[in-house]
Amino acid sequence: ASGLGVGLAMLGLVQSLRWLFFTIGGSRSGPDFGAASLIAGGLLWGYYEWVMSKSGGDVPLLRRLYIYGYSGVGASLTVMGFIGLQQWLFTRFTGNELFGLPDALAWLVTGLPFWLYFWIWAGRLFATGPAEERKSDLRKAYLYAVIYIAVHGVIITAALVVNGMLRALFGLPTEGDLGLSIAVIVAMSALWAHHAFVLNADIKRSGESSLQGNM
């Protein structure tokens, strides 16, 4: 139920921020129904966190899934917003707009605080929590998954850019948007670098896990 509250709060915040940024930009839009999801999700999240703190019924595995699951969602929204913001900046020169600024800002402003909240929580548990937190392979699995996605995002996008350049060189028609490709490479490279740094630091701190040894 706490996870449902977080999801509703994130969805409501994205919708509310989109409405706000579109309104600031002068675009007429309907009423902001996202505020209802934001309030309901926030209340649900707060209530069940309070219940869990009073009952002491914490299940470590479920807590880890909760933390890393929403850390991943927050990171995804942050990356999408960063890509959208970069692509919007590129359109100031190319004029080929794919992402609107209100959408990009809504994703970024929502995703970054949520990602930082859950990611710092996860780091604090790993650094100062019980020994089982450092022995758990779920954190490493999460880091490997994010790095895998980021690396493949960089490689595939870079390959598409090179393909487009070669097609242009030989006078063949090209597709896609160079600004978007650069934005994806920059955002995915940052995601890759950060999580690779954290993974290496974790390995030095706790030693190799069974998961790492089998990969």
N, C-alpha and C. Protein backbone atom coordinates (compact mmCIF):
# COMPACT_ATOMS: atom_id res chain seq x y z
N ALA A 1 0.82 -1.20 0.00
CA ALA A 1 0.00 0.00 0.00
C ALA A 1 0.86 1.26 0.00
N SER A 2 1.98 1.23 0.72
CA SER A 2 2.88 2.37 0.72
C SER A 2 3.44 2.60 -0.69
N GLY A 3 3.77 1.50 -1.38
CA GLY A 3 4.26 1.60 -2.75
C GLY A 3 3.23 2.19 -3.67
N LEU A 4 1.96 1.82 -3.49
CA LEU A 4 0.88 2.40 -4.29
C LEU A 4 0.78 3.90 -4.05
N GLY A 5 0.95 4.30 -2.79
CA GLY A 5 0.92 5.72 -2.46
C GLY A 5 2.03 6.49 -3.16
N VAL A 6 3.24 5.91 -3.18
CA VAL A 6 4.36 6.57 -3.86
C VAL A 6 4.06 6.71 -5.35
N GLY A 7 3.55 5.63 -5.95
CA GLY A 7 3.22 5.68 -7.38
C GLY A 7 2.19 6.73 -7.70
N LEU A 8 1.14 6.82 -6.90
CA LEU A 8 0.11 7.84 -7.12
C LEU A 8 0.68 9.25 -6.94
N ALA A 9 1.54 9.41 -5.94
CA ALA A 9 2.14 10.72 -5.69
C ALA A 9 3.02 11.15 -6.86
N MET A 10 3.80 10.23 -7.39
CA MET A 10 4.67 10.55 -8.51
C MET A 10 3.85 10.90 -9.76
N LEU A 11 2.83 10.10 -10.03
CA LEU A 11 1.98 10.37 -11.19
C LEU A 11 1.28 11.70 -11.05
N GLY A 12 0.75 11.96 -9.87
CA GLY A 12 0.06 13.22 -9.63
C GLY A 12 0.98 14.42 -9.73
N LEU A 13 2.22 14.26 -9.26
CA LEU A 13 3.17 15.37 -9.33
C LEU A 13 3.55 15.67 -10.78
N VAL A 14 3.76 14.64 -11.58
CA VAL A 14 4.06 14.84 -13.01
C VAL A 14 2.92 15.59 -13.69
N GLN A 15 1.70 15.14 -13.46
CA GLN A 15 0.55 15.78 -14.11
C GLN A 15 0.38 17.22 -13.63
N SER A 16 0.56 17.44 -12.34
CA SER A 16 0.41 18.79 -11.80
C SER A 16 1.47 19.74 -12.35
N LEU A 17 2.70 19.27 -12.43
CA LEU A 17 3.78 20.10 -12.96
C LEU A 17 3.59 20.38 -14.45
N ARG A 18 3.12 19.38 -15.21
CA ARG A 18 2.84 19.62 -16.63
C ARG A 18 1.81 20.74 -16.78
N TRP A 19 0.74 20.63 -15.99
CA TRP A 19 -0.31 21.65 -16.04
C TRP A 19 0.26 23.02 -15.67
N LEU A 20 1.09 23.05 -14.62
CA LEU A 20 1.67 24.31 -14.17
C LEU A 20 2.58 24.92 -15.23
N PHE A 21 3.46 24.12 -15.80
CA PHE A 21 4.41 24.65 -16.79
C PHE A 21 3.71 25.05 -18.08
N PHE A 22 2.69 24.29 -18.48
CA PHE A 22 1.92 24.69 -19.66
C PHE A 22 1.19 26.01 -19.40
N THR A 23 0.67 26.16 -18.19
CA THR A 23 -0.04 27.40 -17.84
C THR A 23 0.93 28.58 -17.83
N ILE A 24 2.12 28.39 -17.24
CA ILE A 24 3.12 29.46 -17.23
C ILE A 24 3.51 29.83 -18.65
N GLY A 25 3.58 28.83 -19.54
CA GLY A 25 3.94 29.09 -20.92
C GLY A 25 2.84 29.71 -21.75
N GLY A 26 1.66 29.88 -21.15
CA GLY A 26 0.57 30.53 -21.86
C GLY A 26 -0.36 29.60 -22.60
N SER A 27 -0.17 28.29 -22.45
CA SER A 27 -1.05 27.33 -23.11
C SER A 27 -2.28 27.09 -22.26
N ARG A 28 -3.43 27.16 -22.90
CA ARG A 28 -4.68 26.90 -22.17
C ARG A 28 -4.85 25.39 -22.01
N SER A 29 -5.18 24.98 -20.81
CA SER A 29 -5.41 23.56 -20.54
C SER A 29 -6.56 23.42 -19.57
N GLY A 30 -7.03 22.17 -19.44
CA GLY A 30 -8.13 21.91 -18.55
C GLY A 30 -7.72 21.96 -17.10
N PRO A 31 -8.62 21.62 -16.18
CA PRO A 31 -8.28 21.64 -14.75
C PRO A 31 -7.22 20.61 -14.41
N ASP A 32 -6.52 20.85 -13.34
CA ASP A 32 -5.43 19.98 -12.92
C ASP A 32 -5.97 18.87 -12.04
N PHE A 33 -6.25 17.70 -12.65
CA PHE A 33 -6.71 16.56 -11.87
C PHE A 33 -5.55 15.82 -11.21
N GLY A 34 -4.32 16.17 -11.62
CA GLY A 34 -3.16 15.51 -11.02
C GLY A 34 -3.01 15.83 -9.55
N ALA A 35 -3.49 16.99 -9.12
CA ALA A 35 -3.37 17.36 -7.71
C ALA A 35 -4.10 16.37 -6.81
N ALA A 36 -5.21 15.82 -7.29
CA ALA A 36 -5.96 14.85 -6.49
C ALA A 36 -5.14 13.59 -6.27
N SER A 37 -4.47 13.10 -7.33
CA SER A 37 -3.61 11.92 -7.20
C SER A 37 -2.42 12.21 -6.29
N LEU A 38 -1.88 13.41 -6.41
CA LEU A 38 -0.74 13.79 -5.58
C LEU A 38 -1.11 13.79 -4.10
N ILE A 39 -2.24 14.40 -3.76
CA ILE A 39 -2.67 14.47 -2.36
C ILE A 39 -3.03 13.08 -1.83
N ALA A 40 -3.81 12.32 -2.63
CA ALA A 40 -4.21 10.98 -2.19
C ALA A 40 -3.01 10.07 -2.02
N GLY A 41 -2.10 10.12 -2.99
CA GLY A 41 -0.90 9.28 -2.90
C GLY A 41 -0.02 9.67 -1.73
N GLY A 42 0.13 10.99 -1.50
CA GLY A 42 0.95 11.44 -0.39
C GLY A 42 0.39 11.02 0.95
N LEU A 43 -0.93 11.12 1.10
CA LEU A 43 -1.57 10.71 2.35
C LEU A 43 -1.46 9.20 2.56
N LEU A 44 -1.68 8.43 1.50
CA LEU A 44 -1.58 6.98 1.60
C LEU A 44 -0.16 6.55 1.94
N TRP A 45 0.80 7.15 1.27
CA TRP A 45 2.22 6.86 1.52
C TRP A 45 2.58 7.20 2.98
N GLY A 46 2.23 8.39 3.42
CA GLY A 46 2.56 8.81 4.78
C GLY A 46 1.90 7.94 5.83
N TYR A 47 0.64 7.57 5.60
CA TYR A 47 -0.08 6.77 6.58
C TYR A 47 0.57 5.39 6.76
N TYR A 48 0.85 4.71 5.64
CA TYR A 48 1.41 3.36 5.77
C TYR A 48 2.86 3.38 6.24
N GLU A 49 3.59 4.44 5.95
CA GLU A 49 4.93 4.56 6.52
C GLU A 49 4.84 4.73 8.04
N TRP A 50 3.86 5.49 8.49
CA TRP A 50 3.65 5.67 9.92
C TRP A 50 3.25 4.36 10.59
N VAL A 51 2.34 3.60 9.93
CA VAL A 51 1.92 2.31 10.47
C VAL A 51 3.09 1.35 10.57
N MET A 52 3.92 1.31 9.53
CA MET A 52 5.07 0.40 9.54
C MET A 52 6.07 0.78 10.63
N SER A 53 6.28 2.09 10.82
CA SER A 53 7.22 2.53 11.84
C SER A 53 6.73 2.17 13.24
N LYS A 54 5.40 2.18 13.44
CA LYS A 54 4.84 1.85 14.75
C LYS A 54 4.81 0.35 15.00
N SER A 55 4.53 -0.41 13.95
CA SER A 55 4.39 -1.86 14.12
C SER A 55 5.73 -2.58 14.14
N GLY A 56 6.74 -1.97 13.47
CA GLY A 56 8.03 -2.63 13.41
C GLY A 56 8.03 -3.86 12.53
N GLY A 57 7.01 -4.00 11.67
CA GLY A 57 6.90 -5.18 10.82
C GLY A 57 7.67 -5.04 9.53
N ASP A 58 8.93 -4.73 9.61
CA ASP A 58 9.75 -4.51 8.42
C ASP A 58 10.26 -5.85 7.88
N VAL A 59 10.09 -6.06 6.56
CA VAL A 59 10.61 -7.25 5.89
C VAL A 59 11.75 -6.79 4.99
N PRO A 60 13.00 -7.15 5.30
CA PRO A 60 14.15 -6.60 4.57
C PRO A 60 14.06 -6.75 3.06
N LEU A 61 13.66 -7.93 2.56
CA LEU A 61 13.60 -8.14 1.12
C LEU A 61 12.57 -7.23 0.47
N LEU A 62 11.38 -7.14 1.07
CA LEU A 62 10.34 -6.27 0.52
C LEU A 62 10.78 -4.82 0.57
N ARG A 63 11.47 -4.43 1.65
CA ARG A 63 11.96 -3.05 1.75
C ARG A 63 12.96 -2.76 0.64
N ARG A 64 13.86 -3.70 0.37
CA ARG A 64 14.85 -3.49 -0.69
C ARG A 64 14.16 -3.37 -2.05
N LEU A 65 13.20 -4.24 -2.31
CA LEU A 65 12.47 -4.17 -3.58
C LEU A 65 11.76 -2.84 -3.71
N TYR A 66 11.19 -2.37 -2.64
CA TYR A 66 10.49 -1.08 -2.60
C TYR A 66 11.45 0.06 -2.89
N ILE A 67 12.59 0.06 -2.20
CA ILE A 67 13.56 1.15 -2.35
C ILE A 67 14.15 1.17 -3.75
N TYR A 68 14.64 0.02 -4.21
CA TYR A 68 15.31 0.00 -5.51
C TYR A 68 14.32 0.11 -6.67
N GLY A 69 13.11 -0.39 -6.46
CA GLY A 69 12.09 -0.24 -7.50
C GLY A 69 11.78 1.22 -7.76
N TYR A 70 11.54 1.99 -6.70
CA TYR A 70 11.21 3.40 -6.90
C TYR A 70 12.44 4.26 -7.17
N SER A 71 13.61 3.78 -6.76
CA SER A 71 14.83 4.45 -7.19
C SER A 71 14.97 4.35 -8.71
N GLY A 72 14.65 3.17 -9.25
CA GLY A 72 14.70 2.98 -10.70
C GLY A 72 13.68 3.84 -11.43
N VAL A 73 12.47 3.94 -10.87
CA VAL A 73 11.46 4.79 -11.49
C VAL A 73 11.89 6.25 -11.48
N GLY A 74 12.40 6.69 -10.34
CA GLY A 74 12.88 8.07 -10.24
C GLY A 74 14.01 8.35 -11.19
N ALA A 75 14.97 7.40 -11.31
CA ALA A 75 16.08 7.58 -12.23
C ALA A 75 15.59 7.63 -13.67
N SER A 76 14.59 6.80 -14.01
CA SER A 76 14.05 6.79 -15.37
C SER A 76 13.41 8.13 -15.72
N LEU A 77 12.62 8.66 -14.80
CA LEU A 77 12.00 9.96 -15.04
C LEU A 77 13.06 11.06 -15.16
N THR A 78 14.09 10.98 -14.31
CA THR A 78 15.16 11.98 -14.36
C THR A 78 15.88 11.94 -15.71
N VAL A 79 16.20 10.75 -16.18
CA VAL A 79 16.88 10.61 -17.47
C VAL A 79 15.99 11.10 -18.61
N MET A 80 14.72 10.73 -18.57
CA MET A 80 13.79 11.19 -19.61
C MET A 80 13.70 12.72 -19.62
N GLY A 81 13.63 13.31 -18.42
CA GLY A 81 13.56 14.76 -18.35
C GLY A 81 14.83 15.42 -18.84
N PHE A 82 15.99 14.84 -18.49
CA PHE A 82 17.28 15.39 -18.92
C PHE A 82 17.42 15.29 -20.44
N ILE A 83 16.99 14.16 -21.00
CA ILE A 83 17.02 14.00 -22.46
C ILE A 83 16.09 15.01 -23.12
N GLY A 84 14.87 15.12 -22.59
CA GLY A 84 13.91 16.07 -23.16
C GLY A 84 14.38 17.50 -23.09
N LEU A 85 15.02 17.87 -21.96
CA LEU A 85 15.51 19.24 -21.80
C LEU A 85 16.64 19.53 -22.80
N GLN A 86 17.56 18.58 -22.95
CA GLN A 86 18.64 18.75 -23.92
C GLN A 86 18.09 18.86 -25.34
N GLN A 87 17.14 17.98 -25.66
CA GLN A 87 16.59 18.00 -27.01
C GLN A 87 15.86 19.30 -27.29
N TRP A 88 15.17 19.82 -26.29
CA TRP A 88 14.50 21.11 -26.45
C TRP A 88 15.51 22.22 -26.69
N LEU A 89 16.66 22.18 -25.98
CA LEU A 89 17.70 23.18 -26.20
C LEU A 89 18.26 23.08 -27.62
N PHE A 90 18.45 21.85 -28.10
CA PHE A 90 18.94 21.69 -29.47
C PHE A 90 17.96 22.25 -30.50
N THR A 91 16.67 22.17 -30.18
CA THR A 91 15.67 22.66 -31.14
C THR A 91 15.73 24.18 -31.30
N ARG A 92 16.37 24.86 -30.36
CA ARG A 92 16.54 26.31 -30.53
C ARG A 92 17.39 26.60 -31.77
N PHE A 93 18.18 25.58 -32.20
CA PHE A 93 19.04 25.75 -33.37
C PHE A 93 18.50 24.99 -34.58
N THR A 94 17.87 23.83 -34.33
CA THR A 94 17.41 23.00 -35.45
C THR A 94 15.94 23.20 -35.77
N GLY A 95 15.14 23.56 -34.78
CA GLY A 95 13.71 23.76 -35.00
C GLY A 95 12.90 22.49 -35.07
N ASN A 96 13.50 21.33 -34.80
CA ASN A 96 12.80 20.05 -34.90
C ASN A 96 12.47 19.55 -33.50
N GLU A 97 11.42 20.11 -32.92
CA GLU A 97 11.09 19.82 -31.52
C GLU A 97 10.33 18.52 -31.38
N LEU A 98 10.84 17.61 -30.54
CA LEU A 98 10.19 16.34 -30.28
C LEU A 98 9.59 16.30 -28.88
N PHE A 99 10.26 16.93 -27.92
CA PHE A 99 9.77 16.99 -26.55
C PHE A 99 9.47 18.44 -26.18
N GLY A 100 8.30 18.68 -25.62
CA GLY A 100 7.97 20.01 -25.15
C GLY A 100 8.68 20.30 -23.84
N LEU A 101 9.02 21.54 -23.60
CA LEU A 101 9.70 21.92 -22.37
C LEU A 101 8.87 21.60 -21.13
N PRO A 102 7.55 21.84 -21.11
CA PRO A 102 6.78 21.50 -19.90
C PRO A 102 6.87 20.02 -19.54
N ASP A 103 6.82 19.13 -20.54
CA ASP A 103 6.92 17.70 -20.26
C ASP A 103 8.29 17.36 -19.68
N ALA A 104 9.35 17.87 -20.32
CA ALA A 104 10.71 17.57 -19.86
C ALA A 104 10.93 18.06 -18.44
N LEU A 105 10.48 19.27 -18.15
CA LEU A 105 10.66 19.82 -16.80
C LEU A 105 9.84 19.04 -15.77
N ALA A 106 8.63 18.64 -16.15
CA ALA A 106 7.79 17.87 -15.22
C ALA A 106 8.45 16.54 -14.87
N TRP A 107 9.00 15.85 -15.86
CA TRP A 107 9.70 14.58 -15.60
C TRP A 107 10.92 14.82 -14.73
N LEU A 108 11.71 15.83 -15.05
CA LEU A 108 12.95 16.08 -14.34
C LEU A 108 12.70 16.52 -12.89
N VAL A 109 11.77 17.46 -12.70
CA VAL A 109 11.49 17.98 -11.36
C VAL A 109 10.85 16.92 -10.48
N THR A 110 10.10 16.00 -11.08
CA THR A 110 9.51 14.90 -10.30
C THR A 110 10.53 13.81 -10.04
N GLY A 111 11.21 13.40 -11.08
CA GLY A 111 12.10 12.24 -10.97
C GLY A 111 13.30 12.45 -10.08
N LEU A 112 13.93 13.62 -10.17
CA LEU A 112 15.18 13.84 -9.44
C LEU A 112 15.01 13.75 -7.92
N PRO A 113 14.03 14.44 -7.31
CA PRO A 113 13.88 14.32 -5.85
C PRO A 113 13.52 12.90 -5.41
N PHE A 114 12.65 12.23 -6.17
CA PHE A 114 12.28 10.86 -5.80
C PHE A 114 13.48 9.93 -5.92
N TRP A 115 14.26 10.08 -7.00
CA TRP A 115 15.44 9.24 -7.16
C TRP A 115 16.43 9.48 -6.03
N LEU A 116 16.70 10.75 -5.72
CA LEU A 116 17.65 11.06 -4.66
C LEU A 116 17.18 10.53 -3.31
N TYR A 117 15.88 10.66 -3.05
CA TYR A 117 15.33 10.19 -1.77
C TYR A 117 15.57 8.69 -1.59
N PHE A 118 15.19 7.90 -2.57
CA PHE A 118 15.31 6.45 -2.45
C PHE A 118 16.76 5.99 -2.62
N TRP A 119 17.51 6.66 -3.49
CA TRP A 119 18.89 6.25 -3.72
C TRP A 119 19.77 6.56 -2.51
N ILE A 120 19.56 7.70 -1.88
CA ILE A 120 20.31 8.04 -0.66
C ILE A 120 19.90 7.10 0.47
N TRP A 121 18.63 6.78 0.56
CA TRP A 121 18.14 5.82 1.56
C TRP A 121 18.84 4.47 1.37
N ALA A 122 18.93 4.01 0.11
CA ALA A 122 19.60 2.74 -0.17
C ALA A 122 21.07 2.80 0.20
N GLY A 123 21.72 3.90 -0.13
CA GLY A 123 23.13 4.05 0.21
C GLY A 123 23.37 4.08 1.70
N ARG A 124 22.47 4.72 2.43
CA ARG A 124 22.60 4.80 3.89
C ARG A 124 22.44 3.41 4.51
N LEU A 125 21.48 2.63 4.01
CA LEU A 125 21.30 1.28 4.52
C LEU A 125 22.53 0.42 4.25
N PHE A 126 23.11 0.59 3.05
CA PHE A 126 24.29 -0.20 2.70
C PHE A 126 25.48 0.18 3.56
N ALA A 127 25.62 1.47 3.84
CA ALA A 127 26.79 1.95 4.58
C ALA A 127 26.69 1.72 6.08
N THR A 128 25.50 1.91 6.64
CA THR A 128 25.38 1.88 8.10
C THR A 128 24.37 0.86 8.61
N GLY A 129 23.70 0.15 7.70
CA GLY A 129 22.69 -0.82 8.11
C GLY A 129 23.31 -2.12 8.58
N PRO A 130 22.48 -3.13 8.84
CA PRO A 130 22.99 -4.43 9.28
C PRO A 130 23.85 -5.09 8.20
N ALA A 131 24.61 -6.09 8.61
CA ALA A 131 25.54 -6.76 7.69
C ALA A 131 24.81 -7.38 6.51
N GLU A 132 23.56 -7.81 6.70
CA GLU A 132 22.82 -8.45 5.61
C GLU A 132 22.58 -7.50 4.45
N GLU A 133 22.57 -6.19 4.71
CA GLU A 133 22.40 -5.22 3.64
C GLU A 133 23.61 -5.24 2.70
N ARG A 134 24.80 -5.39 3.27
CA ARG A 134 26.01 -5.43 2.44
C ARG A 134 26.19 -6.78 1.77
N LYS A 135 25.58 -7.82 2.34
CA LYS A 135 25.69 -9.15 1.75
C LYS A 135 24.62 -9.40 0.69
N SER A 136 23.59 -8.59 0.68
CA SER A 136 22.49 -8.79 -0.26
C SER A 136 22.96 -8.55 -1.69
N ASP A 137 22.53 -9.41 -2.61
CA ASP A 137 22.89 -9.27 -4.01
C ASP A 137 21.90 -8.40 -4.78
N LEU A 138 20.81 -7.99 -4.14
CA LEU A 138 19.82 -7.20 -4.86
C LEU A 138 20.38 -5.85 -5.28
N ARG A 139 21.18 -5.23 -4.42
CA ARG A 139 21.77 -3.93 -4.77
C ARG A 139 22.68 -4.06 -5.99
N LYS A 140 23.53 -5.10 -5.98
CA LYS A 140 24.41 -5.30 -7.13
C LYS A 140 23.62 -5.64 -8.39
N ALA A 141 22.55 -6.42 -8.24
CA ALA A 141 21.72 -6.74 -9.40
C ALA A 141 21.11 -5.47 -9.98
N TYR A 142 20.68 -4.58 -9.11
CA TYR A 142 20.12 -3.31 -9.56
C TYR A 142 21.17 -2.49 -10.30
N LEU A 143 22.37 -2.41 -9.72
CA LEU A 143 23.44 -1.63 -10.34
C LEU A 143 23.83 -2.22 -11.69
N TYR A 144 23.97 -3.54 -11.76
CA TYR A 144 24.31 -4.18 -13.02
C TYR A 144 23.22 -3.93 -14.07
N ALA A 145 21.95 -3.98 -13.65
CA ALA A 145 20.85 -3.78 -14.60
C ALA A 145 20.87 -2.36 -15.16
N VAL A 146 21.07 -1.38 -14.29
CA VAL A 146 21.12 0.01 -14.75
C VAL A 146 22.30 0.24 -15.68
N ILE A 147 23.47 -0.30 -15.31
CA ILE A 147 24.66 -0.15 -16.15
C ILE A 147 24.44 -0.82 -17.50
N TYR A 148 23.85 -2.00 -17.49
CA TYR A 148 23.57 -2.73 -18.74
C TYR A 148 22.69 -1.89 -19.67
N ILE A 149 21.61 -1.33 -19.11
CA ILE A 149 20.69 -0.52 -19.91
C ILE A 149 21.39 0.73 -20.44
N ALA A 150 22.18 1.38 -19.57
CA ALA A 150 22.85 2.61 -19.96
C ALA A 150 23.90 2.35 -21.04
N VAL A 151 24.70 1.29 -20.87
CA VAL A 151 25.74 0.97 -21.85
C VAL A 151 25.12 0.67 -23.21
N HIS A 152 24.07 -0.14 -23.22
CA HIS A 152 23.44 -0.47 -24.49
C HIS A 152 22.75 0.74 -25.12
N GLY A 153 22.22 1.63 -24.26
CA GLY A 153 21.64 2.86 -24.80
C GLY A 153 22.67 3.71 -25.51
N VAL A 154 23.87 3.82 -24.91
CA VAL A 154 24.95 4.60 -25.52
C VAL A 154 25.42 3.95 -26.82
N ILE A 155 25.66 2.63 -26.77
CA ILE A 155 26.20 1.93 -27.94
C ILE A 155 25.22 1.96 -29.11
N ILE A 156 23.96 1.65 -28.84
CA ILE A 156 22.96 1.61 -29.92
C ILE A 156 22.75 2.99 -30.52
N THR A 157 22.66 4.01 -29.67
CA THR A 157 22.46 5.37 -30.18
C THR A 157 23.66 5.84 -30.97
N ALA A 158 24.87 5.55 -30.47
CA ALA A 158 26.09 5.93 -31.19
C ALA A 158 26.15 5.23 -32.55
N ALA A 159 25.74 3.97 -32.59
CA ALA A 159 25.73 3.24 -33.86
C ALA A 159 24.75 3.87 -34.85
N LEU A 160 23.61 4.32 -34.36
CA LEU A 160 22.63 4.98 -35.23
C LEU A 160 23.18 6.30 -35.76
N VAL A 161 23.92 7.02 -34.91
CA VAL A 161 24.52 8.28 -35.36
C VAL A 161 25.54 8.03 -36.46
N VAL A 162 26.41 7.03 -36.25
CA VAL A 162 27.42 6.68 -37.26
C VAL A 162 26.74 6.23 -38.55
N ASN A 163 25.69 5.44 -38.43
CA ASN A 163 24.94 4.99 -39.61
C ASN A 163 24.37 6.18 -40.38
N GLY A 164 23.82 7.15 -39.64
CA GLY A 164 23.27 8.34 -40.30
C GLY A 164 24.35 9.14 -40.99
N MET A 165 25.51 9.25 -40.36
CA MET A 165 26.62 9.99 -40.97
C MET A 165 27.10 9.31 -42.24
N LEU A 166 27.19 7.99 -42.23
CA LEU A 166 27.63 7.26 -43.42
C LEU A 166 26.60 7.38 -44.55
N ARG A 167 25.32 7.32 -44.20
CA ARG A 167 24.28 7.46 -45.21
C ARG A 167 24.33 8.86 -45.84
N ALA A 168 24.56 9.87 -44.98
CA ALA A 168 24.67 11.23 -45.51
C ALA A 168 25.90 11.38 -46.40
N LEU A 169 27.00 10.70 -46.02
CA LEU A 169 28.23 10.76 -46.79
C LEU A 169 28.05 10.19 -48.19
N PHE A 170 27.25 9.13 -48.28
CA PHE A 170 27.02 8.48 -49.58
C PHE A 170 25.77 9.01 -50.29
N GLY A 171 25.20 10.08 -49.75
CA GLY A 171 24.07 10.71 -50.41
C GLY A 171 22.76 9.96 -50.28
N LEU A 172 22.67 9.12 -49.26
CA LEU A 172 21.44 8.36 -49.03
C LEU A 172 20.54 9.12 -48.06
N PRO A 173 19.22 8.91 -48.12
CA PRO A 173 18.32 9.60 -47.19
C PRO A 173 18.56 9.17 -45.75
N THR A 174 18.46 10.10 -44.84
CA THR A 174 18.67 9.82 -43.42
C THR A 174 17.40 10.07 -42.63
N GLU A 175 17.31 9.40 -41.49
CA GLU A 175 16.17 9.56 -40.60
C GLU A 175 16.67 9.83 -39.19
N GLY A 176 15.76 10.30 -38.34
CA GLY A 176 16.12 10.53 -36.95
C GLY A 176 16.52 11.97 -36.69
N ASP A 177 16.79 12.25 -35.42
CA ASP A 177 17.13 13.60 -35.00
C ASP A 177 18.48 13.57 -34.27
N LEU A 178 19.47 14.31 -34.79
CA LEU A 178 20.81 14.30 -34.21
C LEU A 178 20.80 14.84 -32.79
N GLY A 179 20.01 15.89 -32.53
CA GLY A 179 19.94 16.46 -31.20
C GLY A 179 19.45 15.46 -30.17
N LEU A 180 18.44 14.68 -30.55
CA LEU A 180 17.92 13.66 -29.64
C LEU A 180 18.97 12.59 -29.38
N SER A 181 19.68 12.19 -30.44
CA SER A 181 20.72 11.16 -30.27
C SER A 181 21.82 11.63 -29.33
N ILE A 182 22.27 12.85 -29.49
CA ILE A 182 23.30 13.39 -28.60
C ILE A 182 22.79 13.46 -27.17
N ALA A 183 21.52 13.88 -27.01
CA ALA A 183 20.93 13.97 -25.67
C ALA A 183 20.88 12.60 -25.00
N VAL A 184 20.52 11.58 -25.75
CA VAL A 184 20.46 10.22 -25.20
C VAL A 184 21.85 9.75 -24.78
N ILE A 185 22.84 9.99 -25.64
CA ILE A 185 24.21 9.57 -25.33
C ILE A 185 24.73 10.27 -24.07
N VAL A 186 24.49 11.57 -23.95
CA VAL A 186 24.96 12.32 -22.79
C VAL A 186 24.28 11.80 -21.51
N ALA A 187 22.96 11.65 -21.55
CA ALA A 187 22.22 11.22 -20.36
C ALA A 187 22.58 9.79 -19.95
N MET A 188 22.65 8.89 -20.93
CA MET A 188 22.98 7.50 -20.63
C MET A 188 24.43 7.35 -20.17
N SER A 189 25.32 8.16 -20.70
CA SER A 189 26.72 8.11 -20.26
C SER A 189 26.84 8.55 -18.80
N ALA A 190 26.09 9.59 -18.43
CA ALA A 190 26.10 10.05 -17.04
C ALA A 190 25.55 8.98 -16.10
N LEU A 191 24.45 8.33 -16.53
CA LEU A 191 23.85 7.26 -15.74
C LEU A 191 24.83 6.10 -15.58
N TRP A 192 25.47 5.74 -16.66
CA TRP A 192 26.47 4.66 -16.67
C TRP A 192 27.62 4.99 -15.73
N ALA A 193 28.20 6.17 -15.87
CA ALA A 193 29.36 6.55 -15.08
C ALA A 193 29.05 6.55 -13.59
N HIS A 194 27.90 7.11 -13.21
CA HIS A 194 27.56 7.19 -11.78
C HIS A 194 27.39 5.81 -11.17
N HIS A 195 26.62 4.96 -11.83
CA HIS A 195 26.34 3.65 -11.24
C HIS A 195 27.56 2.73 -11.30
N ALA A 196 28.41 2.89 -12.30
CA ALA A 196 29.65 2.11 -12.34
C ALA A 196 30.57 2.52 -11.19
N PHE A 197 30.62 3.82 -10.91
CA PHE A 197 31.42 4.31 -9.78
C PHE A 197 30.90 3.74 -8.46
N VAL A 198 29.58 3.77 -8.28
CA VAL A 198 28.98 3.24 -7.05
C VAL A 198 29.24 1.74 -6.92
N LEU A 199 29.11 1.01 -8.02
CA LEU A 199 29.34 -0.43 -7.99
C LEU A 199 30.78 -0.75 -7.59
N ASN A 200 31.73 -0.05 -8.17
CA ASN A 200 33.13 -0.28 -7.81
C ASN A 200 33.40 0.05 -6.34
N ALA A 201 32.79 1.13 -5.86
CA ALA A 201 32.95 1.49 -4.45
C ALA A 201 32.34 0.43 -3.54
N ASP A 202 31.18 -0.10 -3.92
CA ASP A 202 30.54 -1.15 -3.13
C ASP A 202 31.40 -2.41 -3.07
N ILE A 203 31.96 -2.78 -4.21
CA ILE A 203 32.79 -3.99 -4.27
C ILE A 203 34.01 -3.84 -3.35
N LYS A 204 34.63 -2.67 -3.37
CA LYS A 204 35.78 -2.44 -2.51
C LYS A 204 35.40 -2.47 -1.03
N ARG A 205 34.16 -2.03 -0.75
CA ARG A 205 33.73 -1.95 0.65
C ARG A 205 33.34 -3.31 1.22
N SER A 206 32.62 -4.11 0.40
CA SER A 206 32.07 -5.35 0.95
C SER A 206 32.67 -6.61 0.37
N GLY A 207 33.47 -6.50 -0.69
CA GLY A 207 34.03 -7.69 -1.31
C GLY A 207 33.08 -8.27 -2.33
N GLU A 208 33.54 -9.23 -3.08
CA GLU A 208 32.75 -9.83 -4.17
C GLU A 208 31.64 -10.69 -3.60
N SER A 209 30.44 -10.57 -4.17
CA SER A 209 29.30 -11.38 -3.74
C SER A 209 29.21 -12.62 -4.62
N SER A 210 28.34 -13.55 -4.24
CA SER A 210 28.14 -14.76 -5.04
C SER A 210 27.60 -14.39 -6.42
N LEU A 211 26.73 -13.36 -6.49
CA LEU A 211 26.17 -12.96 -7.79
C LEU A 211 27.29 -12.45 -8.69
N GLN A 212 28.16 -11.60 -8.17
CA GLN A 212 29.22 -11.04 -8.97
C GLN A 212 30.17 -12.15 -9.42
N GLY A 213 30.45 -13.07 -8.53
CA GLY A 213 31.38 -14.14 -8.87
C GLY A 213 30.86 -15.04 -9.96
N ASN A 214 29.53 -15.14 -10.10
CA ASN A 214 28.96 -16.01 -11.12
C ASN A 214 28.74 -15.32 -12.43
N MET A 215 29.00 -13.98 -12.52
CA MET A 215 28.72 -13.23 -13.73
C MET A 215 30.00 -13.06 -14.55
